[in-house]
Amino acid sequence: MFLIAGIAPKTRVLDTKPQRCPICGLHQAYYKRMDHYLSFFFIPVVRVKKGEAFLMCDRCERTISEFGADYTQAPRNGGSICGFCGRNVEKNFTFCPHCGKRL
C-alpha cells in the first residue's frame, strides 16, 4: 500500500470587483490569496497555511508588491507630467499609474 500526499498552493480570488492595474491601466486586477493545502491523492483536504491578500492583474500577471517604489516616485530620465492629475509619469507609460487616464 502506498500514500500520495503533499502540500500544494492554491490561489483563491477574494473579490470579484476588478481594480485598476497601475502598470497596464486596465481594470483587470483582483484581490487574491494563496493558501497552502495538505493534499491526499492530489485532492486538497486541509488548509495548513492561510496566505495574505494581494492585488494581482490578470492581464500583465504582476502583483502589487512587484510594482514597488518605481511607480510611486517621480520618474528620473525624461519623465513627463500627466495632463489630468499633474503627477510625474515615465515617458513610456500609456496610462497614468495614479489616475488611470490615457496619456
PDB file of N, CA and C in Angstrom:
ATOM      1  N   MET A   1       0.848  -1.177   0.000  1.00  0.00           N
ATOM      2  CA  MET A   1       0.000   0.000   0.000  1.00  0.00           C
ATOM      3  C   MET A   1       0.894   1.240   0.000  1.00  0.00           C
ATOM      4  N   PHE A   2       0.469   2.255  -0.704  1.00  0.00           N
ATOM      5  CA  PHE A   2       1.234   3.490  -0.753  1.00  0.00           C
ATOM      6  C   PHE A   2       0.282   4.679  -0.586  1.00  0.00           C
ATOM      7  N   LEU A   3       0.875   5.813  -0.220  1.00  0.00           N
ATOM      8  CA  LEU A   3       0.105   7.020   0.037  1.00  0.00           C
ATOM      9  C   LEU A   3       0.771   8.177  -0.696  1.00  0.00           C
ATOM     10  N   ILE A   4      -0.021   8.908  -1.466  1.00  0.00           N
ATOM     11  CA  ILE A   4       0.485  10.092  -2.156  1.00  0.00           C
ATOM     12  C   ILE A   4      -0.078  11.301  -1.434  1.00  0.00           C
ATOM     13  N   ALA A   5       0.819  12.069  -0.810  1.00  0.00           N
ATOM     14  CA  ALA A   5       0.396  13.244  -0.044  1.00  0.00           C
ATOM     15  C   ALA A   5       1.423  14.349  -0.241  1.00  0.00           C
ATOM     16  N   GLY A   6       0.999  15.563   0.000  1.00  0.00           N
ATOM     17  CA  GLY A   6       1.900  16.705  -0.105  1.00  0.00           C
ATOM     18  C   GLY A   6       1.171  17.994   0.184  1.00  0.00           C
ATOM     19  N   ILE A   7       1.929  19.080   0.207  1.00  0.00           N
ATOM     20  CA  ILE A   7       1.362  20.408   0.432  1.00  0.00           C
ATOM     21  C   ILE A   7       1.470  21.176  -0.880  1.00  0.00           C
ATOM     22  N   ALA A   8       0.354  21.717  -1.317  1.00  0.00           N
ATOM     23  CA  ALA A   8       0.310  22.433  -2.594  1.00  0.00           C
ATOM     24  C   ALA A   8      -0.370  23.785  -2.419  1.00  0.00           C
ATOM     25  N   PRO A   9       0.116  24.818  -3.128  1.00  0.00           N
ATOM     26  CA  PRO A   9      -0.534  26.123  -3.063  1.00  0.00           C
ATOM     27  C   PRO A   9      -1.786  26.165  -3.925  1.00  0.00           C
ATOM     28  N   LYS A  10      -2.732  26.973  -3.501  1.00  0.00           N
ATOM     29  CA  LYS A  10      -3.961  27.164  -4.264  1.00  0.00           C
ATOM     30  C   LYS A  10      -4.333  28.644  -4.184  1.00  0.00           C
ATOM     31  N   THR A  11      -4.464  29.282  -5.338  1.00  0.00           N
ATOM     32  CA  THR A  11      -4.815  30.699  -5.388  1.00  0.00           C
ATOM     33  C   THR A  11      -6.326  30.843  -5.384  1.00  0.00           C
ATOM     34  N   ARG A  12      -6.787  31.758  -4.557  1.00  0.00           N
ATOM     35  CA  ARG A  12      -8.221  31.964  -4.398  1.00  0.00           C
ATOM     36  C   ARG A  12      -8.549  33.442  -4.628  1.00  0.00           C
ATOM     37  N   VAL A  13      -9.541  33.731  -5.458  1.00  0.00           N
ATOM     38  CA  VAL A  13      -9.986  35.103  -5.717  1.00  0.00           C
ATOM     39  C   VAL A  13     -10.900  35.531  -4.580  1.00  0.00           C
ATOM     40  N   LEU A  14     -10.574  36.665  -3.936  1.00  0.00           N
ATOM     41  CA  LEU A  14     -11.331  37.129  -2.781  1.00  0.00           C
ATOM     42  C   LEU A  14     -12.440  38.104  -3.143  1.00  0.00           C
ATOM     43  N   ASP A  15     -12.229  38.889  -4.190  1.00  0.00           N
ATOM     44  CA  ASP A  15     -13.189  39.929  -4.551  1.00  0.00           C
ATOM     45  C   ASP A  15     -13.431  39.859  -6.054  1.00  0.00           C
ATOM     46  N   THR A  16     -14.683  39.924  -6.457  1.00  0.00           N
ATOM     47  CA  THR A  16     -14.997  39.846  -7.885  1.00  0.00           C
ATOM     48  C   THR A  16     -15.045  41.214  -8.555  1.00  0.00           C
ATOM     49  N   LYS A  17     -14.883  42.287  -7.779  1.00  0.00           N
ATOM     50  CA  LYS A  17     -14.880  43.630  -8.352  1.00  0.00           C
ATOM     51  C   LYS A  17     -13.464  43.970  -8.816  1.00  0.00           C
ATOM     52  N   PRO A  18     -13.254  44.200 -10.124  1.00  0.00           N
ATOM     53  CA  PRO A  18     -11.900  44.474 -10.617  1.00  0.00           C
ATOM     54  C   PRO A  18     -11.403  45.851 -10.188  1.00  0.00           C
ATOM     55  N   GLN A  19     -10.100  45.939  -9.957  1.00  0.00           N
ATOM     56  CA  GLN A  19      -9.420  47.185  -9.614  1.00  0.00           C
ATOM     57  C   GLN A  19      -8.552  47.599 -10.795  1.00  0.00           C
ATOM     58  N   ARG A  20      -8.136  48.862 -10.824  1.00  0.00           N
ATOM     59  CA  ARG A  20      -7.271  49.356 -11.892  1.00  0.00           C
ATOM     60  C   ARG A  20      -5.825  48.955 -11.614  1.00  0.00           C
ATOM     61  N   CYS A  21      -5.170  48.403 -12.610  1.00  0.00           N
ATOM     62  CA  CYS A  21      -3.768  47.999 -12.516  1.00  0.00           C
ATOM     63  C   CYS A  21      -2.885  49.224 -12.775  1.00  0.00           C
ATOM     64  N   PRO A  22      -1.920  49.510 -11.892  1.00  0.00           N
ATOM     65  CA  PRO A  22      -1.048  50.665 -12.121  1.00  0.00           C
ATOM     66  C   PRO A  22      -0.093  50.509 -13.295  1.00  0.00           C
ATOM     67  N   ILE A  23       0.131  49.293 -13.765  1.00  0.00           N
ATOM     68  CA  ILE A  23       1.059  49.076 -14.872  1.00  0.00           C
ATOM     69  C   ILE A  23       0.355  49.209 -16.227  1.00  0.00           C
ATOM     70  N   CYS A  24      -0.663  48.394 -16.456  1.00  0.00           N
ATOM     71  CA  CYS A  24      -1.311  48.400 -17.776  1.00  0.00           C
ATOM     72  C   CYS A  24      -2.501  49.356 -17.839  1.00  0.00           C
ATOM     73  N   GLY A  25      -3.008  49.808 -16.706  1.00  0.00           N
ATOM     74  CA  GLY A  25      -4.085  50.783 -16.690  1.00  0.00           C
ATOM     75  C   GLY A  25      -5.474  50.217 -16.869  1.00  0.00           C
ATOM     76  N   LEU A  26      -5.595  48.913 -17.035  1.00  0.00           N
ATOM     77  CA  LEU A  26      -6.906  48.304 -17.228  1.00  0.00           C
ATOM     78  C   LEU A  26      -7.486  47.837 -15.899  1.00  0.00           C
ATOM     79  N   HIS A  27      -8.779  47.758 -15.842  1.00  0.00           N
ATOM     80  CA  HIS A  27      -9.458  47.278 -14.639  1.00  0.00           C
ATOM     81  C   HIS A  27      -9.550  45.751 -14.679  1.00  0.00           C
ATOM     82  N   GLN A  28      -8.392  45.100 -14.512  1.00  0.00           N
ATOM     83  CA  GLN A  28      -8.342  43.648 -14.526  1.00  0.00           C
ATOM     84  C   GLN A  28      -7.537  43.094 -13.352  1.00  0.00           C
ATOM     85  N   ALA A  29      -7.377  43.879 -12.293  1.00  0.00           N
ATOM     86  CA  ALA A  29      -6.648  43.425 -11.109  1.00  0.00           C
ATOM     87  C   ALA A  29      -7.654  43.019 -10.037  1.00  0.00           C
ATOM     88  N   TYR A  30      -7.418  41.879  -9.428  1.00  0.00           N
ATOM     89  CA  TYR A  30      -8.320  41.331  -8.417  1.00  0.00           C
ATOM     90  C   TYR A  30      -7.550  41.018  -7.138  1.00  0.00           C
ATOM     91  N   TYR A  31      -8.233  41.133  -6.003  1.00  0.00           N
ATOM     92  CA  TYR A  31      -7.644  40.714  -4.744  1.00  0.00           C
ATOM     93  C   TYR A  31      -7.683  39.196  -4.676  1.00  0.00           C
ATOM     94  N   LYS A  32      -6.507  38.612  -4.414  1.00  0.00           N
ATOM     95  CA  LYS A  32      -6.381  37.161  -4.354  1.00  0.00           C
ATOM     96  C   LYS A  32      -5.610  36.784  -3.099  1.00  0.00           C
ATOM     97  N   ARG A  33      -5.636  35.510  -2.783  1.00  0.00           N
ATOM     98  CA  ARG A  33      -4.890  34.977  -1.644  1.00  0.00           C
ATOM     99  C   ARG A  33      -4.386  33.595  -2.016  1.00  0.00           C
ATOM    100  N   MET A  34      -3.138  33.303  -1.650  1.00  0.00           N
ATOM    101  CA  MET A  34      -2.573  31.985  -1.932  1.00  0.00           C
ATOM    102  C   MET A  34      -2.501  31.207  -0.622  1.00  0.00           C
ATOM    103  N   ASP A  35      -3.331  30.175  -0.522  1.00  0.00           N
ATOM    104  CA  ASP A  35      -3.352  29.301   0.644  1.00  0.00           C
ATOM    105  C   ASP A  35      -2.627  28.011   0.300  1.00  0.00           C
ATOM    106  N   HIS A  36      -2.083  27.361   1.328  1.00  0.00           N
ATOM    107  CA  HIS A  36      -1.411  26.079   1.143  1.00  0.00           C
ATOM    108  C   HIS A  36      -2.266  24.983   1.783  1.00  0.00           C
ATOM    109  N   TYR A  37      -2.497  23.937   1.016  1.00  0.00           N
ATOM    110  CA  TYR A  37      -3.365  22.838   1.454  1.00  0.00           C
ATOM    111  C   TYR A  37      -2.595  21.524   1.508  1.00  0.00           C
ATOM    112  N   LEU A  38      -2.925  20.721   2.496  1.00  0.00           N
ATOM    113  CA  LEU A  38      -2.442  19.347   2.559  1.00  0.00           C
ATOM    114  C   LEU A  38      -3.326  18.525   1.637  1.00  0.00           C
ATOM    115  N   SER A  39      -2.685  17.842   0.695  1.00  0.00           N
ATOM    116  CA  SER A  39      -3.433  17.083  -0.306  1.00  0.00           C
ATOM    117  C   SER A  39      -3.149  15.592  -0.175  1.00  0.00           C
ATOM    118  N   PHE A  40      -4.177  14.794  -0.338  1.00  0.00           N
ATOM    119  CA  PHE A  40      -4.054  13.340  -0.410  1.00  0.00           C
ATOM    120  C   PHE A  40      -4.545  12.902  -1.778  1.00  0.00           C
ATOM    121  N   PHE A  41      -3.692  12.217  -2.504  1.00  0.00           N
ATOM    122  CA  PHE A  41      -4.006  11.775  -3.855  1.00  0.00           C
ATOM    123  C   PHE A  41      -4.459  12.949  -4.731  1.00  0.00           C
ATOM    124  N   PHE A  42      -3.740  14.076  -4.600  1.00  0.00           N
ATOM    125  CA  PHE A  42      -3.940  15.292  -5.396  1.00  0.00           C
ATOM    126  C   PHE A  42      -5.273  15.988  -5.130  1.00  0.00           C
ATOM    127  N   ILE A  43      -5.911  15.686  -4.027  1.00  0.00           N
ATOM    128  CA  ILE A  43      -7.160  16.347  -3.633  1.00  0.00           C
ATOM    129  C   ILE A  43      -6.881  17.176  -2.383  1.00  0.00           C
ATOM    130  N   PRO A  44      -7.054  18.530  -2.449  1.00  0.00           N
ATOM    131  CA  PRO A  44      -6.820  19.354  -1.271  1.00  0.00           C
ATOM    132  C   PRO A  44      -7.826  19.017  -0.166  1.00  0.00           C
ATOM    133  N   VAL A  45      -7.306  18.740   1.032  1.00  0.00           N
ATOM    134  CA  VAL A  45      -8.157  18.302   2.128  1.00  0.00           C
ATOM    135  C   VAL A  45      -8.202  19.337   3.245  1.00  0.00           C
ATOM    136  N   VAL A  46      -7.026  19.757   3.728  1.00  0.00           N
ATOM    137  CA  VAL A  46      -6.959  20.645   4.891  1.00  0.00           C
ATOM    138  C   VAL A  46      -6.045  21.824   4.567  1.00  0.00           C
ATOM    139  N   ARG A  47      -6.505  23.039   4.891  1.00  0.00           N
ATOM    140  CA  ARG A  47      -5.654  24.218   4.713  1.00  0.00           C
ATOM    141  C   ARG A  47      -4.665  24.262   5.875  1.00  0.00           C
ATOM    142  N   VAL A  48      -3.369  24.283   5.566  1.00  0.00           N
ATOM    143  CA  VAL A  48      -2.344  24.314   6.600  1.00  0.00           C
ATOM    144  C   VAL A  48      -1.752  25.710   6.782  1.00  0.00           C
ATOM    145  N   LYS A  49      -1.865  26.552   5.776  1.00  0.00           N
ATOM    146  CA  LYS A  49      -1.350  27.914   5.889  1.00  0.00           C
ATOM    147  C   LYS A  49      -2.243  28.857   5.108  1.00  0.00           C
ATOM    148  N   LYS A  50      -2.720  29.881   5.789  1.00  0.00           N
ATOM    149  CA  LYS A  50      -3.551  30.900   5.145  1.00  0.00           C
ATOM    150  C   LYS A  50      -2.643  32.035   4.689  1.00  0.00           C
ATOM    151  N   GLY A  51      -2.688  32.344   3.410  1.00  0.00           N
ATOM    152  CA  GLY A  51      -1.844  33.400   2.865  1.00  0.00           C
ATOM    153  C   GLY A  51      -2.431  34.780   3.096  1.00  0.00           C
ATOM    154  N   GLU A  52      -1.636  35.791   2.757  1.00  0.00           N
ATOM    155  CA  GLU A  52      -2.085  37.175   2.872  1.00  0.00           C
ATOM    156  C   GLU A  52      -2.669  37.624   1.539  1.00  0.00           C
ATOM    157  N   ALA A  53      -3.629  38.524   1.608  1.00  0.00           N
ATOM    158  CA  ALA A  53      -4.279  39.034   0.403  1.00  0.00           C
ATOM    159  C   ALA A  53      -3.311  39.922  -0.381  1.00  0.00           C
ATOM    160  N   PHE A  54      -3.400  39.845  -1.699  1.00  0.00           N
ATOM    161  CA  PHE A  54      -2.590  40.683  -2.572  1.00  0.00           C
ATOM    162  C   PHE A  54      -3.411  41.024  -3.808  1.00  0.00           C
ATOM    163  N   LEU A  55      -3.005  42.073  -4.486  1.00  0.00           N
ATOM    164  CA  LEU A  55      -3.681  42.520  -5.699  1.00  0.00           C
ATOM    165  C   LEU A  55      -2.879  42.028  -6.892  1.00  0.00           C
ATOM    166  N   MET A  56      -3.534  41.296  -7.797  1.00  0.00           N
ATOM    167  CA  MET A  56      -2.845  40.746  -8.966  1.00  0.00           C
ATOM    168  C   MET A  56      -3.636  41.059 -10.224  1.00  0.00           C
ATOM    169  N   CYS A  57      -2.934  41.534 -11.237  1.00  0.00           N
ATOM    170  CA  CYS A  57      -3.560  41.860 -12.520  1.00  0.00           C
ATOM    171  C   CYS A  57      -3.633  40.598 -13.377  1.00  0.00           C
ATOM    172  N   ASP A  58      -4.798  40.318 -13.948  1.00  0.00           N
ATOM    173  CA  ASP A  58      -4.963  39.151 -14.806  1.00  0.00           C
ATOM    174  C   ASP A  58      -4.319  39.362 -16.173  1.00  0.00           C
ATOM    175  N   ARG A  59      -4.173  40.610 -16.609  1.00  0.00           N
ATOM    176  CA  ARG A  59      -3.602  40.877 -17.932  1.00  0.00           C
ATOM    177  C   ARG A  59      -2.084  40.785 -17.910  1.00  0.00           C
ATOM    178  N   CYS A  60      -1.433  41.563 -17.041  1.00  0.00           N
ATOM    179  CA  CYS A  60       0.036  41.564 -17.026  1.00  0.00           C
ATOM    180  C   CYS A  60       0.610  40.580 -15.999  1.00  0.00           C
ATOM    181  N   GLU A  61      -0.231  39.959 -15.208  1.00  0.00           N
ATOM    182  CA  GLU A  61       0.129  38.925 -14.241  1.00  0.00           C
ATOM    183  C   GLU A  61       1.201  39.377 -13.262  1.00  0.00           C
ATOM    184  N   ARG A  62       1.080  40.612 -12.768  1.00  0.00           N
ATOM    185  CA  ARG A  62       2.003  41.130 -11.761  1.00  0.00           C
ATOM    186  C   ARG A  62       1.228  41.473 -10.511  1.00  0.00           C
ATOM    187  N   THR A  63       1.871  41.312  -9.376  1.00  0.00           N
ATOM    188  CA  THR A  63       1.222  41.637  -8.108  1.00  0.00           C
ATOM    189  C   THR A  63       1.589  43.054  -7.698  1.00  0.00           C
ATOM    190  N   ILE A  64       0.825  43.622  -6.784  1.00  0.00           N
ATOM    191  CA  ILE A  64       1.048  44.998  -6.350  1.00  0.00           C
ATOM    192  C   ILE A  64       2.406  45.148  -5.686  1.00  0.00           C
ATOM    193  N   SER A  65       2.924  44.112  -5.033  1.00  0.00           N
ATOM    194  CA  SER A  65       4.238  44.195  -4.415  1.00  0.00           C
ATOM    195  C   SER A  65       5.341  44.269  -5.465  1.00  0.00           C
ATOM    196  N   GLU A  66       5.108  43.728  -6.665  1.00  0.00           N
ATOM    197  CA  GLU A  66       6.093  43.799  -7.734  1.00  0.00           C
ATOM    198  C   GLU A  66       6.166  45.193  -8.348  1.00  0.00           C
ATOM    199  N   PHE A  67       5.128  46.014  -8.173  1.00  0.00           N
ATOM    200  CA  PHE A  67       5.153  47.364  -8.719  1.00  0.00           C
ATOM    201  C   PHE A  67       6.213  48.173  -7.992  1.00  0.00           C
ATOM    202  N   GLY A  68       6.283  48.003  -6.674  1.00  0.00           N
ATOM    203  CA  GLY A  68       7.309  48.624  -5.846  1.00  0.00           C
ATOM    204  C   GLY A  68       7.316  50.132  -5.896  1.00  0.00           C
ATOM    205  N   ALA A  69       8.435  50.709  -5.485  1.00  0.00           N
ATOM    206  CA  ALA A  69       8.576  52.152  -5.397  1.00  0.00           C
ATOM    207  C   ALA A  69       8.828  52.797  -6.756  1.00  0.00           C
ATOM    208  N   ASP A  70       9.142  51.998  -7.764  1.00  0.00           N
ATOM    209  CA  ASP A  70       9.431  52.561  -9.083  1.00  0.00           C
ATOM    210  C   ASP A  70       8.250  53.327  -9.661  1.00  0.00           C
ATOM    211  N   TYR A  71       7.046  52.945  -9.302  1.00  0.00           N
ATOM    212  CA  TYR A  71       5.865  53.565  -9.884  1.00  0.00           C
ATOM    213  C   TYR A  71       5.201  54.568  -8.955  1.00  0.00           C
ATOM    214  N   THR A  72       5.740  54.747  -7.751  1.00  0.00           N
ATOM    215  CA  THR A  72       5.177  55.720  -6.827  1.00  0.00           C
ATOM    216  C   THR A  72       6.052  56.949  -6.689  1.00  0.00           C
ATOM    217  N   GLN A  73       7.320  56.870  -7.106  1.00  0.00           N
ATOM    218  CA  GLN A  73       8.215  58.003  -7.027  1.00  0.00           C
ATOM    219  C   GLN A  73       8.245  58.737  -8.362  1.00  0.00           C
ATOM    220  N   ALA A  74       8.808  59.936  -8.335  1.00  0.00           N
ATOM    221  CA  ALA A  74       8.926  60.722  -9.562  1.00  0.00           C
ATOM    222  C   ALA A  74       9.877  60.036 -10.536  1.00  0.00           C
ATOM    223  N   PRO A  75       9.592  60.085 -11.823  1.00  0.00           N
ATOM    224  CA  PRO A  75      10.466  59.444 -12.807  1.00  0.00           C
ATOM    225  C   PRO A  75      11.800  60.162 -12.895  1.00  0.00           C
ATOM    226  N   ARG A  76      12.814  59.436 -13.298  1.00  0.00           N
ATOM    227  CA  ARG A  76      14.139  60.005 -13.356  1.00  0.00           C
ATOM    228  C   ARG A  76      14.465  60.507 -14.757  1.00  0.00           C
ATOM    229  N   ASN A  77      14.578  59.656 -15.716  1.00  0.00           N
ATOM    230  CA  ASN A  77      15.085  60.022 -17.041  1.00  0.00           C
ATOM    231  C   ASN A  77      13.958  60.427 -17.983  1.00  0.00           C
ATOM    232  N   GLY A  78      13.839  61.691 -18.242  1.00  0.00           N
ATOM    233  CA  GLY A  78      12.913  62.166 -19.261  1.00  0.00           C
ATOM    234  C   GLY A  78      11.457  61.861 -19.002  1.00  0.00           C
ATOM    235  N   GLY A  79      11.006  61.962 -17.791  1.00  0.00           N
ATOM    236  CA  GLY A  79       9.606  61.733 -17.476  1.00  0.00           C
ATOM    237  C   GLY A  79       8.745  62.885 -17.962  1.00  0.00           C
ATOM    238  N   SER A  80       7.449  62.712 -17.886  1.00  0.00           N
ATOM    239  CA  SER A  80       6.531  63.767 -18.286  1.00  0.00           C
ATOM    240  C   SER A  80       5.483  63.944 -17.191  1.00  0.00           C
ATOM    241  N   ILE A  81       4.603  64.883 -17.381  1.00  0.00           N
ATOM    242  CA  ILE A  81       3.561  65.178 -16.401  1.00  0.00           C
ATOM    243  C   ILE A  81       2.213  64.808 -17.003  1.00  0.00           C
ATOM    244  N   CYS A  82       1.390  64.127 -16.207  1.00  0.00           N
ATOM    245  CA  CYS A  82       0.046  63.750 -16.650  1.00  0.00           C
ATOM    246  C   CYS A  82      -0.795  65.014 -16.800  1.00  0.00           C
ATOM    247  N   GLY A  83      -1.498  65.121 -17.908  1.00  0.00           N
ATOM    248  CA  GLY A  83      -2.338  66.281 -18.165  1.00  0.00           C
ATOM    249  C   GLY A  83      -3.620  66.293 -17.343  1.00  0.00           C
ATOM    250  N   PHE A  84      -3.961  65.177 -16.702  1.00  0.00           N
ATOM    251  CA  PHE A  84      -5.196  65.086 -15.935  1.00  0.00           C
ATOM    252  C   PHE A  84      -4.975  65.320 -14.440  1.00  0.00           C
ATOM    253  N   CYS A  85      -3.954  64.659 -13.863  1.00  0.00           N
ATOM    254  CA  CYS A  85      -3.753  64.780 -12.416  1.00  0.00           C
ATOM    255  C   CYS A  85      -2.524  65.594 -12.052  1.00  0.00           C
ATOM    256  N   GLY A  86      -1.646  65.881 -13.026  1.00  0.00           N
ATOM    257  CA  GLY A  86      -0.479  66.716 -12.768  1.00  0.00           C
ATOM    258  C   GLY A  86       0.692  66.001 -12.113  1.00  0.00           C
ATOM    259  N   ARG A  87       0.644  64.696 -12.004  1.00  0.00           N
ATOM    260  CA  ARG A  87       1.739  63.951 -11.390  1.00  0.00           C
ATOM    261  C   ARG A  87       2.751  63.524 -12.442  1.00  0.00           C
ATOM    262  N   ASN A  88       3.968  63.222 -11.981  1.00  0.00           N
ATOM    263  CA  ASN A  88       5.032  62.777 -12.876  1.00  0.00           C
ATOM    264  C   ASN A  88       4.807  61.333 -13.286  1.00  0.00           C
ATOM    265  N   VAL A  89       4.998  61.056 -14.572  1.00  0.00           N
ATOM    266  CA  VAL A  89       4.916  59.694 -15.101  1.00  0.00           C
ATOM    267  C   VAL A  89       6.089  59.484 -16.049  1.00  0.00           C
ATOM    268  N   GLU A  90       6.451  58.229 -16.235  1.00  0.00           N
ATOM    269  CA  GLU A  90       7.538  57.927 -17.159  1.00  0.00           C
ATOM    270  C   GLU A  90       7.036  58.060 -18.590  1.00  0.00           C
ATOM    271  N   LYS A  91       7.941  58.377 -19.506  1.00  0.00           N
ATOM    272  CA  LYS A  91       7.545  58.686 -20.882  1.00  0.00           C
ATOM    273  C   LYS A  91       7.024  57.477 -21.654  1.00  0.00           C
ATOM    274  N   ASN A  92       7.374  56.253 -21.232  1.00  0.00           N
ATOM    275  CA  ASN A  92       6.924  55.073 -21.962  1.00  0.00           C
ATOM    276  C   ASN A  92       5.587  54.531 -21.464  1.00  0.00           C
ATOM    277  N   PHE A  93       4.952  55.198 -20.509  1.00  0.00           N
ATOM    278  CA  PHE A  93       3.653  54.752 -19.994  1.00  0.00           C
ATOM    279  C   PHE A  93       2.547  55.133 -20.960  1.00  0.00           C
ATOM    280  N   THR A  94       1.577  54.248 -21.129  1.00  0.00           N
ATOM    281  CA  THR A  94       0.410  54.531 -21.945  1.00  0.00           C
ATOM    282  C   THR A  94      -0.692  55.129 -21.083  1.00  0.00           C
ATOM    283  N   PHE A  95      -0.774  54.689 -19.820  1.00  0.00           N
ATOM    284  CA  PHE A  95      -1.764  55.176 -18.871  1.00  0.00           C
ATOM    285  C   PHE A  95      -1.061  55.745 -17.656  1.00  0.00           C
ATOM    286  N   CYS A  96      -1.657  56.741 -17.033  1.00  0.00           N
ATOM    287  CA  CYS A  96      -1.120  57.315 -15.807  1.00  0.00           C
ATOM    288  C   CYS A  96      -1.331  56.310 -14.666  1.00  0.00           C
ATOM    289  N   PRO A  97      -0.276  55.946 -13.916  1.00  0.00           N
ATOM    290  CA  PRO A  97      -0.441  54.987 -12.831  1.00  0.00           C
ATOM    291  C   PRO A  97      -1.164  55.570 -11.615  1.00  0.00           C
ATOM    292  N   HIS A  98      -1.406  56.861 -11.599  1.00  0.00           N
ATOM    293  CA  HIS A  98      -2.050  57.499 -10.463  1.00  0.00           C
ATOM    294  C   HIS A  98      -3.551  57.703 -10.677  1.00  0.00           C
ATOM    295  N   CYS A  99      -3.920  58.200 -11.867  1.00  0.00           N
ATOM    296  CA  CYS A  99      -5.345  58.467 -12.110  1.00  0.00           C
ATOM    297  C   CYS A  99      -5.969  57.498 -13.110  1.00  0.00           C
ATOM    298  N   GLY A 100      -5.159  56.759 -13.877  1.00  0.00           N
ATOM    299  CA  GLY A 100      -5.676  55.766 -14.813  1.00  0.00           C
ATOM    300  C   GLY A 100      -6.071  56.301 -16.176  1.00  0.00           C
ATOM    301  N   LYS A 101      -5.891  57.594 -16.405  1.00  0.00           N
ATOM    302  CA  LYS A 101      -6.270  58.183 -17.698  1.00  0.00           C
ATOM    303  C   LYS A 101      -5.225  57.863 -18.755  1.00  0.00           C
ATOM    304  N   ARG A 102      -5.676  57.804 -20.013  1.00  0.00           N
ATOM    305  CA  ARG A 102      -4.760  57.538 -21.134  1.00  0.00           C
ATOM    306  C   ARG A 102      -3.946  58.789 -21.396  1.00  0.00           C
ATOM    307  N   LEU A 103      -2.625  58.610 -21.551  1.00  0.00           N
ATOM    308  CA  LEU A 103      -1.744  59.756 -21.766  1.00  0.00           C
ATOM    309  C   LEU A 103      -1.644  60.117 -23.237  1.00  0.00           C
TER     310      LEU A 103
END
